[in-house]
């Protein structure tokens, strides 16, 4: 698990799954289909990603295609940072 995934995992555990076993949330755990991220949680997640990683997520990018797992979220963050000429903090 890379730094982006670890940061996002910590955020999810703190904000949405405070009583969960951290080992049950891995890089491929389904976040939307699994009911971890509902519509409000997804908006909060996008706001977190934008603030934490200095990216701008467009409305059409807020989908399971980009946010369904820690792997996909990390890929989205890296892609957005590369496009903006940034690197992860």
C-alpha atoms as a PDB file:
ATOM      1  CA  UNK A   1       0.000   0.000   0.000  1.00  0.00           C
ATOM      2  CA  UNK A   2       1.534   3.339  -1.049  1.00  0.00           C
ATOM      3  CA  UNK A   3       1.434   6.672   0.829  1.00  0.00           C
ATOM      4  CA  UNK A   4      -1.701   7.900  -0.953  1.00  0.00           C
ATOM      5  CA  UNK A   5      -3.563   4.677  -0.200  1.00  0.00           C
ATOM      6  CA  UNK A   6      -2.424   4.726   3.447  1.00  0.00           C
ATOM      7  CA  UNK A   7      -3.550   8.340   3.879  1.00  0.00           C
ATOM      8  CA  UNK A   8      -6.950   7.666   2.304  1.00  0.00           C
ATOM      9  CA  UNK A   9      -7.359   4.435   4.298  1.00  0.00           C
ATOM     10  CA  UNK A  10      -6.706   6.322   7.554  1.00  0.00           C
ATOM     11  CA  UNK A  11      -9.259   8.964   6.561  1.00  0.00           C
ATOM     12  CA  UNK A  12     -11.912   6.347   5.729  1.00  0.00           C
ATOM     13  CA  UNK A  13     -11.326   4.478   8.983  1.00  0.00           C
ATOM     14  CA  UNK A  14     -11.532   7.670  11.057  1.00  0.00           C
ATOM     15  CA  UNK A  15     -14.494   9.252   9.285  1.00  0.00           C
ATOM     16  CA  UNK A  16     -16.654   6.384   8.069  1.00  0.00           C
ATOM     17  CA  UNK A  17     -15.570   3.165   9.815  1.00  0.00           C
ATOM     18  CA  UNK A  18     -14.411   4.108  13.319  1.00  0.00           C
ATOM     19  CA  UNK A  19     -15.187   0.650  14.769  1.00  0.00           C
ATOM     20  CA  UNK A  20     -13.918  -1.427  11.858  1.00  0.00           C
ATOM     21  CA  UNK A  21     -10.930  -3.726  11.849  1.00  0.00           C
ATOM     22  CA  UNK A  22      -8.293  -1.848   9.780  1.00  0.00           C
ATOM     23  CA  UNK A  23      -7.129  -5.134   8.241  1.00  0.00           C
ATOM     24  CA  UNK A  24     -10.518  -5.562   6.569  1.00  0.00           C
ATOM     25  CA  UNK A  25      -9.983  -2.417   4.483  1.00  0.00           C
ATOM     26  CA  UNK A  26      -7.450  -3.235   1.803  1.00  0.00           C
ATOM     27  CA  UNK A  27      -6.473  -1.732  -1.535  1.00  0.00           C
ATOM     28  CA  UNK A  28      -9.279  -3.493  -3.421  1.00  0.00           C
ATOM     29  CA  UNK A  29     -12.136  -3.334  -0.885  1.00  0.00           C
ATOM     30  CA  UNK A  30     -15.253  -2.059  -2.731  1.00  0.00           C
ATOM     31  CA  UNK A  31     -16.038   1.308  -1.154  1.00  0.00           C
ATOM     32  CA  UNK A  32     -19.181   2.341  -3.043  1.00  0.00           C
ATOM     33  CA  UNK A  33     -20.633  -1.072  -3.896  1.00  0.00           C
ATOM     34  CA  UNK A  34     -19.733  -2.201  -0.370  1.00  0.00           C
ATOM     35  CA  UNK A  35     -21.742   0.623   1.171  1.00  0.00           C
ATOM     36  CA  UNK A  36     -18.785   2.350   2.828  1.00  0.00           C
ATOM     37  CA  UNK A  37     -19.156   5.473   0.678  1.00  0.00           C
ATOM     38  CA  UNK A  38     -22.715   6.695   0.145  1.00  0.00           C
ATOM     39  CA  UNK A  39     -23.419   9.907  -1.782  1.00  0.00           C
ATOM     40  CA  UNK A  40     -22.654  12.234   1.142  1.00  0.00           C
ATOM     41  CA  UNK A  41     -19.542  10.297   2.141  1.00  0.00           C
ATOM     42  CA  UNK A  42     -18.357  10.409  -1.464  1.00  0.00           C
ATOM     43  CA  UNK A  43     -18.651  14.204  -1.516  1.00  0.00           C
ATOM     44  CA  UNK A  44     -16.707  14.377   1.752  1.00  0.00           C
ATOM     45  CA  UNK A  45     -14.073  12.037   0.318  1.00  0.00           C
ATOM     46  CA  UNK A  46     -13.643  14.205  -2.781  1.00  0.00           C
ATOM     47  CA  UNK A  47     -13.283  17.327  -0.630  1.00  0.00           C
ATOM     48  CA  UNK A  48     -10.635  15.534   1.453  1.00  0.00           C
ATOM     49  CA  UNK A  49      -8.722  14.443  -1.656  1.00  0.00           C
ATOM     50  CA  UNK A  50      -8.783  17.952  -3.102  1.00  0.00           C
ATOM     51  CA  UNK A  51      -7.547  19.551   0.114  1.00  0.00           C
ATOM     52  CA  UNK A  52      -5.007  16.890   1.109  1.00  0.00           C
ATOM     53  CA  UNK A  53      -3.445  16.304  -2.293  1.00  0.00           C
ATOM     54  CA  UNK A  54      -3.969  19.693  -3.954  1.00  0.00           C
ATOM     55  CA  UNK A  55      -6.008  18.349  -6.839  1.00  0.00           C
ATOM     56  CA  UNK A  56      -9.241  19.408  -8.497  1.00  0.00           C
ATOM     57  CA  UNK A  57     -11.720  16.583  -9.091  1.00  0.00           C
ATOM     58  CA  UNK A  58     -14.283  17.345 -11.784  1.00  0.00           C
ATOM     59  CA  UNK A  59     -17.941  16.331 -11.370  1.00  0.00           C
ATOM     60  CA  UNK A  60     -17.703  13.696 -14.111  1.00  0.00           C
ATOM     61  CA  UNK A  61     -14.784  12.070 -12.255  1.00  0.00           C
ATOM     62  CA  UNK A  62     -16.852  11.490  -9.094  1.00  0.00           C
ATOM     63  CA  UNK A  63     -17.822   7.920  -9.906  1.00  0.00           C
ATOM     64  CA  UNK A  64     -17.163   4.328  -8.931  1.00  0.00           C
ATOM     65  CA  UNK A  65     -14.770   4.225 -11.882  1.00  0.00           C
ATOM     66  CA  UNK A  66     -12.420   6.484  -9.870  1.00  0.00           C
ATOM     67  CA  UNK A  67     -13.506   6.013  -6.254  1.00  0.00           C
ATOM     68  CA  UNK A  68     -14.498   2.337  -5.838  1.00  0.00           C
ATOM     69  CA  UNK A  69     -11.251   1.251  -4.128  1.00  0.00           C
ATOM     70  CA  UNK A  70      -8.090   2.609  -2.553  1.00  0.00           C
ATOM     71  CA  UNK A  71      -6.235   1.502  -5.692  1.00  0.00           C
ATOM     72  CA  UNK A  72      -8.533   3.530  -7.948  1.00  0.00           C
ATOM     73  CA  UNK A  73      -8.444   6.569  -5.662  1.00  0.00           C
ATOM     74  CA  UNK A  74      -4.625   6.524  -5.593  1.00  0.00           C
ATOM     75  CA  UNK A  75      -4.564   6.215  -9.381  1.00  0.00           C
ATOM     76  CA  UNK A  76      -6.917   9.218  -9.682  1.00  0.00           C
ATOM     77  CA  UNK A  77      -4.781  11.315  -7.319  1.00  0.00           C
ATOM     78  CA  UNK A  78      -1.530  10.431  -9.119  1.00  0.00           C
ATOM     79  CA  UNK A  79      -3.102  11.139 -12.535  1.00  0.00           C
ATOM     80  CA  UNK A  80      -4.457  14.528 -11.383  1.00  0.00           C
ATOM     81  CA  UNK A  81      -1.150  15.467  -9.748  1.00  0.00           C
ATOM     82  CA  UNK A  82       0.834  14.471 -12.834  1.00  0.00           C
ATOM     83  CA  UNK A  83      -1.470  16.566 -15.022  1.00  0.00           C
ATOM     84  CA  UNK A  84      -0.889  19.529 -12.720  1.00  0.00           C
ATOM     85  CA  UNK A  85       2.844  18.880 -12.407  1.00  0.00           C
ATOM     86  CA  UNK A  86       2.593  18.048  -8.686  1.00  0.00           C
ATOM     87  CA  UNK A  87       3.681  15.135  -6.529  1.00  0.00           C
ATOM     88  CA  UNK A  88       2.126  13.605  -3.410  1.00  0.00           C
ATOM     89  CA  UNK A  89       2.935  15.375  -0.138  1.00  0.00           C
END
